[in-house]
Amino acid sequence: MKVAFVGLGVMGFPMAGHLAKAGHEVAVFNRSPEKAQAWVQTHGGRAEATVAAAAQDAEIVFLCVGNDDDVRGVVSQALPAMTAGGIIVDHTTTSAKVAREMADLAAGGGRAFVDAPVSGGQAGAENGQLTVMCGGVPAAYGRAEPVIMAFAKAVRLMGGPGAGQLTKMVNQIAIAGLVQGLAEGMHFAKRAGLDPLEVYEAISKGAAQSWQMDNRWKTMAEGKFDFGFAVDWMRKDLGLVLDEAGSNGAKLDATALIDGFYGEVQEMGGRRWDTSSLVARLEKP
């Protein structure tokens, strides 16, 4: 397919690379032109100076940008340029509200919008092993799914517009609780005079096992917090979660509390630490 990818950050850069490796004709745009040029040097394809130029006659435009307003700006530029019947696939984590708004806008112009936030972090993007949760009309999803599979291990349509973003919110709620549980377990083990690595060996094959435990327990014990998804990004996501909960009446007591804990990590200078840095606030003097 002729596709475009807008937003070449730590996620978008490798995701667009997998599309090129799969044989698609890829045009890229990034606000920092040097990053787009670096992508072309690595993967081929072409870099364009504007979103509209990258999206020109594209069948699918992928984006992975920062927030709701970024999505609105990209979509408004891409829609008029892409081919009739084209699809925008948005991998940004946003509000469900903006996903529905963009779906309506796209449909009004004879095109489609699929909200498709991802889970799996930088490593998942680099290895083509992301989990993608989607919202949109089934016909558009059906056309986009095989293309998304270039960088995913699992893709699922969760419902209409916004359903992908709502599912990502569930993902972030669960992760926040898991990481806080690991942080408190680690903190308790150290205070009790236990060897954290021995504790891991003892409990990681039982009911406490999780991806977070398997991938972050050791690095948390070593005080290393440079493994992908940053605290600033998590706070943005949890803000979306808590806003949505305010609308739908969900009671998220623990999530709200942990969001505040991440605020303390930011105040400690950990804005770019990964989410496992919750343990650092427990261990500060």
C-alpha atoms as a PDB file:
ATOM      1  CA  MET A   1       0.000   0.000   0.000  1.00  0.00           C
ATOM      2  CA  LYS A   2       0.896   3.631  -0.298  1.00  0.00           C
ATOM      3  CA  VAL A   3       1.036   4.814   3.314  1.00  0.00           C
ATOM      4  CA  ALA A   4       2.261   7.736   5.401  1.00  0.00           C
ATOM      5  CA  PHE A   5       3.551   7.829   8.966  1.00  0.00           C
ATOM      6  CA  VAL A   6       3.467  11.046  11.027  1.00  0.00           C
ATOM      7  CA  GLY A   7       5.466  11.185  14.263  1.00  0.00           C
ATOM      8  CA  LEU A   8       8.825   9.440  14.455  1.00  0.00           C
ATOM      9  CA  GLY A   9       9.467   9.276  18.188  1.00  0.00           C
ATOM     10  CA  VAL A  10      10.717   6.255  20.098  1.00  0.00           C
ATOM     11  CA  MET A  11       7.598   4.359  19.012  1.00  0.00           C
ATOM     12  CA  GLY A  12       6.859   5.775  15.584  1.00  0.00           C
ATOM     13  CA  PHE A  13      10.368   5.469  14.171  1.00  0.00           C
ATOM     14  CA  PRO A  14      10.532   1.648  14.431  1.00  0.00           C
ATOM     15  CA  MET A  15       6.820   1.187  13.651  1.00  0.00           C
ATOM     16  CA  ALA A  16       7.229   3.028  10.355  1.00  0.00           C
ATOM     17  CA  GLY A  17      10.341   0.964   9.721  1.00  0.00           C
ATOM     18  CA  HIS A  18       8.362  -2.262   9.980  1.00  0.00           C
ATOM     19  CA  LEU A  19       5.889  -0.927   7.404  1.00  0.00           C
ATOM     20  CA  ALA A  20       8.757  -0.307   4.986  1.00  0.00           C
ATOM     21  CA  LYS A  21      10.199  -3.776   5.637  1.00  0.00           C
ATOM     22  CA  ALA A  22       6.775  -5.259   4.871  1.00  0.00           C
ATOM     23  CA  GLY A  23       6.968  -3.756   1.396  1.00  0.00           C
ATOM     24  CA  HIS A  24       4.701  -0.745   1.731  1.00  0.00           C
ATOM     25  CA  GLU A  25       5.548   2.557   0.041  1.00  0.00           C
ATOM     26  CA  VAL A  26       6.133   4.803   3.050  1.00  0.00           C
ATOM     27  CA  ALA A  27       6.314   8.595   3.273  1.00  0.00           C
ATOM     28  CA  VAL A  28       7.165  10.116   6.656  1.00  0.00           C
ATOM     29  CA  PHE A  29       6.806  13.462   8.391  1.00  0.00           C
ATOM     30  CA  ASN A  30       8.231  14.589  11.706  1.00  0.00           C
ATOM     31  CA  ARG A  31       8.272  18.033  13.308  1.00  0.00           C
ATOM     32  CA  SER A  32      12.057  17.683  13.593  1.00  0.00           C
ATOM     33  CA  PRO A  33      13.079  17.194   9.939  1.00  0.00           C
ATOM     34  CA  GLU A  34      16.422  15.649  10.857  1.00  0.00           C
ATOM     35  CA  LYS A  35      14.627  12.688  12.429  1.00  0.00           C
ATOM     36  CA  ALA A  36      12.650  12.111   9.234  1.00  0.00           C
ATOM     37  CA  GLN A  37      15.870  12.247   7.214  1.00  0.00           C
ATOM     38  CA  ALA A  38      17.482   9.747   9.589  1.00  0.00           C
ATOM     39  CA  TRP A  39      14.513   7.427   9.088  1.00  0.00           C
ATOM     40  CA  VAL A  40      14.892   7.603   5.300  1.00  0.00           C
ATOM     41  CA  GLN A  41      18.601   6.868   5.562  1.00  0.00           C
ATOM     42  CA  THR A  42      17.774   3.785   7.639  1.00  0.00           C
ATOM     43  CA  HIS A  43      14.663   2.486   5.915  1.00  0.00           C
ATOM     44  CA  GLY A  44      14.349   4.122   2.496  1.00  0.00           C
ATOM     45  CA  GLY A  45      11.051   5.706   1.509  1.00  0.00           C
ATOM     46  CA  ARG A  46      10.794   9.457   1.473  1.00  0.00           C
ATOM     47  CA  ALA A  47      10.567  12.339   3.937  1.00  0.00           C
ATOM     48  CA  GLU A  48       8.217  15.251   3.308  1.00  0.00           C
ATOM     49  CA  ALA A  49       8.220  18.808   4.641  1.00  0.00           C
ATOM     50  CA  THR A  50       4.514  18.863   5.561  1.00  0.00           C
ATOM     51  CA  VAL A  51       1.861  16.455   6.794  1.00  0.00           C
ATOM     52  CA  ALA A  52      -0.192  17.093   3.654  1.00  0.00           C
ATOM     53  CA  ALA A  53       2.720  16.217   1.381  1.00  0.00           C
ATOM     54  CA  ALA A  54       3.358  12.965   3.246  1.00  0.00           C
ATOM     55  CA  ALA A  55      -0.352  12.084   3.136  1.00  0.00           C
ATOM     56  CA  GLN A  56      -0.774  12.917  -0.548  1.00  0.00           C
ATOM     57  CA  ASP A  57      -2.782  10.081  -2.174  1.00  0.00           C
ATOM     58  CA  ALA A  58      -2.014   7.752   0.769  1.00  0.00           C
ATOM     59  CA  GLU A  59      -4.395   4.861   1.367  1.00  0.00           C
ATOM     60  CA  ILE A  60      -3.568   4.786   5.083  1.00  0.00           C
ATOM     61  CA  VAL A  61      -2.052   7.566   7.189  1.00  0.00           C
ATOM     62  CA  PHE A  62      -0.595   6.397  10.506  1.00  0.00           C
ATOM     63  CA  LEU A  63       0.150   8.825  13.295  1.00  0.00           C
ATOM     64  CA  CYS A  64       1.830   8.542  16.666  1.00  0.00           C
ATOM     65  CA  VAL A  65       2.062  12.029  18.146  1.00  0.00           C
ATOM     66  CA  GLY A  66       1.663  13.697  21.535  1.00  0.00           C
ATOM     67  CA  ASN A  67      -1.857  14.587  22.607  1.00  0.00           C
ATOM     68  CA  ASP A  68      -5.408  15.434  21.540  1.00  0.00           C
ATOM     69  CA  ASP A  69      -4.522  18.774  19.969  1.00  0.00           C
ATOM     70  CA  ASP A  70      -1.624  17.230  18.031  1.00  0.00           C
ATOM     71  CA  VAL A  71      -4.023  14.642  16.611  1.00  0.00           C
ATOM     72  CA  ARG A  72      -6.521  17.317  15.620  1.00  0.00           C
ATOM     73  CA  GLY A  73      -3.792  19.267  13.819  1.00  0.00           C
ATOM     74  CA  VAL A  74      -2.429  16.270  11.914  1.00  0.00           C
ATOM     75  CA  VAL A  75      -5.842  14.950  10.905  1.00  0.00           C
ATOM     76  CA  SER A  76      -7.003  18.331   9.618  1.00  0.00           C
ATOM     77  CA  GLN A  77      -3.950  18.487   7.345  1.00  0.00           C
ATOM     78  CA  ALA A  78      -3.968  14.839   6.257  1.00  0.00           C
ATOM     79  CA  LEU A  79      -7.636  14.284   5.391  1.00  0.00           C
ATOM     80  CA  PRO A  80      -7.867  16.567   2.338  1.00  0.00           C
ATOM     81  CA  ALA A  81      -4.636  15.149   0.874  1.00  0.00           C
ATOM     82  CA  MET A  82      -5.194  11.404   1.191  1.00  0.00           C
ATOM     83  CA  THR A  83      -7.031   9.258  -1.324  1.00  0.00           C
ATOM     84  CA  ALA A  84     -10.829   9.049  -1.286  1.00  0.00           C
ATOM     85  CA  GLY A  85     -11.851   6.212   1.003  1.00  0.00           C
ATOM     86  CA  GLY A  86      -8.532   6.381   2.829  1.00  0.00           C
ATOM     87  CA  ILE A  87      -8.059   5.528   6.495  1.00  0.00           C
ATOM     88  CA  ILE A  88      -6.306   7.381   9.296  1.00  0.00           C
ATOM     89  CA  VAL A  89      -4.944   5.026  11.970  1.00  0.00           C
ATOM     90  CA  ASP A  90      -4.044   6.902  15.147  1.00  0.00           C
ATOM     91  CA  HIS A  91      -1.614   5.173  17.515  1.00  0.00           C
ATOM     92  CA  THR A  92      -1.465   8.161  19.878  1.00  0.00           C
ATOM     93  CA  THR A  93      -2.955   7.663  23.347  1.00  0.00           C
ATOM     94  CA  THR A  94      -5.711  10.286  23.520  1.00  0.00           C
ATOM     95  CA  SER A  95      -9.124  10.880  24.995  1.00  0.00           C
ATOM     96  CA  ALA A  96     -12.007   8.824  23.651  1.00  0.00           C
ATOM     97  CA  LYS A  97     -13.717  12.142  22.938  1.00  0.00           C
ATOM     98  CA  VAL A  98     -11.163  13.230  20.358  1.00  0.00           C
ATOM     99  CA  ALA A  99     -11.254   9.782  18.731  1.00  0.00           C
ATOM    100  CA  ARG A 100     -15.002  10.111  18.190  1.00  0.00           C
ATOM    101  CA  GLU A 101     -14.564  13.678  17.006  1.00  0.00           C
ATOM    102  CA  MET A 102     -11.958  12.648  14.427  1.00  0.00           C
ATOM    103  CA  ALA A 103     -14.058   9.682  13.290  1.00  0.00           C
ATOM    104  CA  ASP A 104     -16.966  12.018  12.570  1.00  0.00           C
ATOM    105  CA  LEU A 105     -14.680  14.453  10.758  1.00  0.00           C
ATOM    106  CA  ALA A 106     -13.185  11.711   8.605  1.00  0.00           C
ATOM    107  CA  ALA A 107     -16.569  10.202   7.762  1.00  0.00           C
ATOM    108  CA  GLY A 108     -17.826  13.610   6.670  1.00  0.00           C
ATOM    109  CA  GLY A 109     -15.055  13.696   4.078  1.00  0.00           C
ATOM    110  CA  GLY A 110     -15.598  10.179   2.759  1.00  0.00           C
ATOM    111  CA  ARG A 111     -12.731   8.688   4.747  1.00  0.00           C
ATOM    112  CA  ALA A 112     -12.364   6.712   7.973  1.00  0.00           C
ATOM    113  CA  PHE A 113     -10.574   7.045  11.311  1.00  0.00           C
ATOM    114  CA  VAL A 114      -9.432   4.169  13.528  1.00  0.00           C
ATOM    115  CA  ASP A 115      -8.205   4.910  17.051  1.00  0.00           C
ATOM    116  CA  ALA A 116      -5.486   2.342  17.685  1.00  0.00           C
ATOM    117  CA  PRO A 117      -3.425   2.953  20.837  1.00  0.00           C
ATOM    118  CA  VAL A 118      -0.680   0.454  21.543  1.00  0.00           C
ATOM    119  CA  SER A 119       0.883  -1.413  24.453  1.00  0.00           C
ATOM    120  CA  GLY A 120       4.308  -2.987  24.577  1.00  0.00           C
ATOM    121  CA  GLY A 121       6.629   0.000  24.872  1.00  0.00           C
ATOM    122  CA  GLN A 122       9.719   0.852  22.893  1.00  0.00           C
ATOM    123  CA  ALA A 123      10.930  -2.752  22.858  1.00  0.00           C
ATOM    124  CA  GLY A 124       7.606  -3.912  21.459  1.00  0.00           C
ATOM    125  CA  ALA A 125       7.778  -1.305  18.713  1.00  0.00           C
ATOM    126  CA  GLU A 126      11.347  -2.210  17.802  1.00  0.00           C
ATOM    127  CA  ASN A 127      10.618  -5.947  17.748  1.00  0.00           C
ATOM    128  CA  GLY A 128       7.281  -5.648  15.950  1.00  0.00           C
ATOM    129  CA  GLN A 129       5.485  -7.138  18.950  1.00  0.00           C
ATOM    130  CA  LEU A 130       2.985  -4.464  19.945  1.00  0.00           C
ATOM    131  CA  THR A 131      -0.543  -5.088  21.142  1.00  0.00           C
ATOM    132  CA  VAL A 132      -2.983  -2.773  19.361  1.00  0.00           C
ATOM    133  CA  MET A 133      -6.510  -2.075  20.624  1.00  0.00           C
ATOM    134  CA  CYS A 134      -8.778  -0.431  18.059  1.00  0.00           C
ATOM    135  CA  GLY A 135     -11.995   1.512  17.781  1.00  0.00           C
ATOM    136  CA  GLY A 136     -13.802   2.262  14.545  1.00  0.00           C
ATOM    137  CA  VAL A 137     -16.158   0.927  11.899  1.00  0.00           C
ATOM    138  CA  PRO A 138     -15.531  -2.736  11.040  1.00  0.00           C
ATOM    139  CA  ALA A 139     -14.947  -2.155   7.319  1.00  0.00           C
ATOM    140  CA  ALA A 140     -12.134   0.333   7.901  1.00  0.00           C
ATOM    141  CA  TYR A 141     -10.634  -1.808  10.638  1.00  0.00           C
ATOM    142  CA  GLY A 142     -10.690  -4.851   8.378  1.00  0.00           C
ATOM    143  CA  ARG A 143      -8.665  -3.032   5.723  1.00  0.00           C
ATOM    144  CA  ALA A 144      -6.191  -1.622   8.233  1.00  0.00           C
ATOM    145  CA  GLU A 145      -5.616  -4.735  10.353  1.00  0.00           C
ATOM    146  CA  PRO A 146      -3.271  -6.651   7.994  1.00  0.00           C
ATOM    147  CA  VAL A 147      -1.144  -3.537   7.548  1.00  0.00           C
ATOM    148  CA  ILE A 148      -0.953  -2.889  11.302  1.00  0.00           C
ATOM    149  CA  MET A 149       0.250  -6.470  11.751  1.00  0.00           C
ATOM    150  CA  ALA A 150       3.612  -5.385  10.306  1.00  0.00           C
ATOM    151  CA  PHE A 151       4.519  -4.150  13.809  1.00  0.00           C
ATOM    152  CA  ALA A 152       2.056  -6.008  16.039  1.00  0.00           C
ATOM    153  CA  LYS A 153       1.664  -9.420  17.627  1.00  0.00           C
ATOM    154  CA  ALA A 154      -2.027  -8.834  18.387  1.00  0.00           C
ATOM    155  CA  VAL A 155      -4.652  -6.454  16.984  1.00  0.00           C
ATOM    156  CA  ARG A 156      -8.294  -6.378  18.075  1.00  0.00           C
ATOM    157  CA  LEU A 157     -11.341  -4.278  17.270  1.00  0.00           C
ATOM    158  CA  MET A 158     -12.935  -3.346  20.600  1.00  0.00           C
ATOM    159  CA  GLY A 159     -15.974  -1.483  19.301  1.00  0.00           C
ATOM    160  CA  GLY A 160     -16.900   1.777  17.636  1.00  0.00           C
ATOM    161  CA  PRO A 161     -14.888   5.013  17.601  1.00  0.00           C
ATOM    162  CA  GLY A 162     -13.207   5.643  20.956  1.00  0.00           C
ATOM    163  CA  ALA A 163     -13.316   2.009  22.096  1.00  0.00           C
ATOM    164  CA  GLY A 164      -9.597   1.553  21.458  1.00  0.00           C
ATOM    165  CA  GLN A 165      -8.765   4.518  23.666  1.00  0.00           C
ATOM    166  CA  LEU A 166     -11.072   3.290  26.420  1.00  0.00           C
ATOM    167  CA  THR A 167      -9.360  -0.105  26.323  1.00  0.00           C
ATOM    168  CA  LYS A 168      -5.952   1.575  26.572  1.00  0.00           C
ATOM    169  CA  MET A 169      -7.221   3.356  29.678  1.00  0.00           C
ATOM    170  CA  VAL A 170      -8.014  -0.029  31.239  1.00  0.00           C
ATOM    171  CA  ASN A 171      -4.467  -1.092  30.351  1.00  0.00           C
ATOM    172  CA  GLN A 172      -2.969   1.919  32.126  1.00  0.00           C
ATOM    173  CA  ILE A 173      -5.162   1.441  35.203  1.00  0.00           C
ATOM    174  CA  ALA A 174      -3.929  -2.138  35.502  1.00  0.00           C
ATOM    175  CA  ILE A 175      -0.277  -1.218  34.949  1.00  0.00           C
ATOM    176  CA  ALA A 176      -0.373   1.552  37.554  1.00  0.00           C
ATOM    177  CA  GLY A 177      -1.692  -0.840  40.179  1.00  0.00           C
ATOM    178  CA  LEU A 178       0.794  -3.566  39.254  1.00  0.00           C
ATOM    179  CA  VAL A 179       3.799  -1.275  39.410  1.00  0.00           C
ATOM    180  CA  GLN A 180       2.764   0.210  42.757  1.00  0.00           C
ATOM    181  CA  GLY A 181       2.330  -3.313  44.118  1.00  0.00           C
ATOM    182  CA  LEU A 182       5.814  -4.262  42.903  1.00  0.00           C
ATOM    183  CA  ALA A 183       7.297  -1.078  44.372  1.00  0.00           C
ATOM    184  CA  GLU A 184       5.777  -1.753  47.780  1.00  0.00           C
ATOM    185  CA  GLY A 185       6.809  -5.414  47.660  1.00  0.00           C
ATOM    186  CA  MET A 186      10.377  -4.436  46.779  1.00  0.00           C
ATOM    187  CA  HIS A 187      10.456  -1.801  49.514  1.00  0.00           C
ATOM    188  CA  PHE A 188       9.099  -4.243  52.091  1.00  0.00           C
ATOM    189  CA  ALA A 189      11.597  -6.962  51.078  1.00  0.00           C
ATOM    190  CA  LYS A 190      14.545  -4.613  51.550  1.00  0.00           C
ATOM    191  CA  ARG A 191      13.279  -3.347  54.901  1.00  0.00           C
ATOM    192  CA  ALA A 192      12.784  -6.951  56.029  1.00  0.00           C
ATOM    193  CA  GLY A 193      16.399  -7.781  55.199  1.00  0.00           C
ATOM    194  CA  LEU A 194      15.563 -10.068  52.282  1.00  0.00           C
ATOM    195  CA  ASP A 195      17.562 -10.338  49.062  1.00  0.00           C
ATOM    196  CA  PRO A 196      15.228  -8.910  46.377  1.00  0.00           C
ATOM    197  CA  LEU A 197      16.562 -11.258  43.699  1.00  0.00           C
ATOM    198  CA  GLU A 198      16.003 -14.275  45.923  1.00  0.00           C
ATOM    199  CA  VAL A 199      12.488 -13.018  46.597  1.00  0.00           C
ATOM    200  CA  TYR A 200      11.897 -12.819  42.856  1.00  0.00           C
ATOM    201  CA  GLU A 201      12.992 -16.415  42.382  1.00  0.00           C
ATOM    202  CA  ALA A 202      10.663 -17.484  45.162  1.00  0.00           C
ATOM    203  CA  ILE A 203       7.487 -15.692  44.066  1.00  0.00           C
ATOM    204  CA  SER A 204       7.769 -15.169  40.305  1.00  0.00           C
ATOM    205  CA  LYS A 205       6.446 -18.621  39.402  1.00  0.00           C
ATOM    206  CA  GLY A 206       3.315 -18.241  41.507  1.00  0.00           C
ATOM    207  CA  ALA A 207       0.258 -16.019  41.633  1.00  0.00           C
ATOM    208  CA  ALA A 208       2.323 -12.810  41.903  1.00  0.00           C
ATOM    209  CA  GLN A 209       3.911 -13.325  38.474  1.00  0.00           C
ATOM    210  CA  SER A 210       3.384 -10.619  35.822  1.00  0.00           C
ATOM    211  CA  TRP A 211       5.138  -9.094  32.837  1.00  0.00           C
ATOM    212  CA  GLN A 212       6.066  -6.155  35.024  1.00  0.00           C
ATOM    213  CA  MET A 213       7.633  -8.424  37.625  1.00  0.00           C
ATOM    214  CA  ASP A 214       9.584 -10.429  35.044  1.00  0.00           C
ATOM    215  CA  ASN A 215      10.882  -7.354  33.233  1.00  0.00           C
ATOM    216  CA  ARG A 216      11.225  -4.695  35.941  1.00  0.00           C
ATOM    217  CA  TRP A 217      11.859  -6.336  39.330  1.00  0.00           C
ATOM    218  CA  LYS A 218      15.608  -6.679  38.824  1.00  0.00           C
ATOM    219  CA  THR A 219      16.054  -3.173  37.397  1.00  0.00           C
ATOM    220  CA  MET A 220      13.935  -1.705  40.188  1.00  0.00           C
ATOM    221  CA  ALA A 221      16.177  -3.451  42.716  1.00  0.00           C
ATOM    222  CA  GLU A 222      19.187  -1.851  41.027  1.00  0.00           C
ATOM    223  CA  GLY A 223      17.604   1.613  40.915  1.00  0.00           C
ATOM    224  CA  LYS A 224      17.655   1.713  37.110  1.00  0.00           C
ATOM    225  CA  PHE A 225      14.737   3.560  35.510  1.00  0.00           C
ATOM    226  CA  ASP A 226      15.699   4.013  31.867  1.00  0.00           C
ATOM    227  CA  PHE A 227      13.468   1.437  30.201  1.00  0.00           C
ATOM    228  CA  GLY A 228      10.978   3.200  27.987  1.00  0.00           C
ATOM    229  CA  PHE A 229       7.624   4.640  28.996  1.00  0.00           C
ATOM    230  CA  ALA A 230       8.278   7.848  30.934  1.00  0.00           C
ATOM    231  CA  VAL A 231       6.538   9.122  34.062  1.00  0.00           C
ATOM    232  CA  ASP A 232       5.455  12.278  32.201  1.00  0.00           C
ATOM    233  CA  TRP A 233       3.662  10.119  29.637  1.00  0.00           C
ATOM    234  CA  MET A 234       2.043   7.955  32.294  1.00  0.00           C
ATOM    235  CA  ARG A 235       0.710  11.025  34.068  1.00  0.00           C
ATOM    236  CA  LYS A 236      -0.764  12.257  30.777  1.00  0.00           C
ATOM    237  CA  ASP A 237      -2.457   8.885  30.311  1.00  0.00           C
ATOM    238  CA  LEU A 238      -3.729   8.700  33.883  1.00  0.00           C
ATOM    239  CA  GLY A 239      -5.118  12.208  33.484  1.00  0.00           C
ATOM    240  CA  LEU A 240      -7.170  10.946  30.529  1.00  0.00           C
ATOM    241  CA  VAL A 241      -8.281   7.959  32.620  1.00  0.00           C
ATOM    242  CA  LEU A 242      -9.411  10.099  35.553  1.00  0.00           C
ATOM    243  CA  ASP A 243     -11.209  12.567  33.257  1.00  0.00           C
ATOM    244  CA  GLU A 244     -13.110   9.694  31.641  1.00  0.00           C
ATOM    245  CA  ALA A 245     -13.921   8.231  35.054  1.00  0.00           C
ATOM    246  CA  GLY A 246     -15.353  11.586  36.033  1.00  0.00           C
ATOM    247  CA  SER A 247     -17.745  11.253  33.107  1.00  0.00           C
ATOM    248  CA  ASN A 248     -18.733   7.601  33.407  1.00  0.00           C
ATOM    249  CA  GLY A 249     -18.822   7.354  37.203  1.00  0.00           C
ATOM    250  CA  ALA A 250     -16.078   4.730  37.584  1.00  0.00           C
ATOM    251  CA  LYS A 251     -14.541   4.671  41.079  1.00  0.00           C
ATOM    252  CA  LEU A 252     -10.755   4.648  40.652  1.00  0.00           C
ATOM    253  CA  ASP A 253      -9.487   5.293  44.173  1.00  0.00           C
ATOM    254  CA  ALA A 254      -6.158   3.485  43.766  1.00  0.00           C
ATOM    255  CA  THR A 255      -5.499   4.937  40.316  1.00  0.00           C
ATOM    256  CA  ALA A 256      -6.030   8.475  41.578  1.00  0.00           C
ATOM    257  CA  LEU A 257      -3.699   7.804  44.511  1.00  0.00           C
ATOM    258  CA  ILE A 258      -0.967   6.347  42.262  1.00  0.00           C
ATOM    259  CA  ASP A 259      -1.292   9.284  39.868  1.00  0.00           C
ATOM    260  CA  GLY A 260      -0.362  11.479  42.843  1.00  0.00           C
ATOM    261  CA  PHE A 261       2.594   9.205  43.612  1.00  0.00           C
ATOM    262  CA  TYR A 262       3.844   9.724  40.059  1.00  0.00           C
ATOM    263  CA  GLY A 263       3.526  13.458  40.715  1.00  0.00           C
ATOM    264  CA  GLU A 264       5.934  13.013  43.626  1.00  0.00           C
ATOM    265  CA  VAL A 265       8.367  11.174  41.321  1.00  0.00           C
ATOM    266  CA  GLN A 266       8.213  14.120  38.922  1.00  0.00           C
ATOM    267  CA  GLU A 267       9.056  16.477  41.792  1.00  0.00           C
ATOM    268  CA  MET A 268      12.069  14.258  42.580  1.00  0.00           C
ATOM    269  CA  GLY A 269      13.408  14.925  39.080  1.00  0.00           C
ATOM    270  CA  GLY A 270      12.061  11.704  37.590  1.00  0.00           C
ATOM    271  CA  ARG A 271       9.942  13.110  34.781  1.00  0.00           C
ATOM    272  CA  ARG A 272      11.802  11.001  32.199  1.00  0.00           C
ATOM    273  CA  TRP A 273      12.307   7.936  34.408  1.00  0.00           C
ATOM    274  CA  ASP A 274      10.237   4.934  33.405  1.00  0.00           C
ATOM    275  CA  THR A 275       7.090   3.974  35.276  1.00  0.00           C
ATOM    276  CA  SER A 276       8.847   1.470  37.537  1.00  0.00           C
ATOM    277  CA  SER A 277      10.408   4.453  39.344  1.00  0.00           C
ATOM    278  CA  LEU A 278       7.503   4.427  41.807  1.00  0.00           C
ATOM    279  CA  VAL A 279       9.879   2.499  44.061  1.00  0.00           C
ATOM    280  CA  ALA A 280      12.194   5.533  44.193  1.00  0.00           C
ATOM    281  CA  ARG A 281       9.660   7.603  46.151  1.00  0.00           C
ATOM    282  CA  LEU A 282       9.466   4.845  48.775  1.00  0.00           C
ATOM    283  CA  GLU A 283      13.237   4.711  49.140  1.00  0.00           C
ATOM    284  CA  LYS A 284      13.985   8.427  49.246  1.00  0.00           C
ATOM    285  CA  PRO A 285      15.490   9.612  52.542  1.00  0.00           C
END
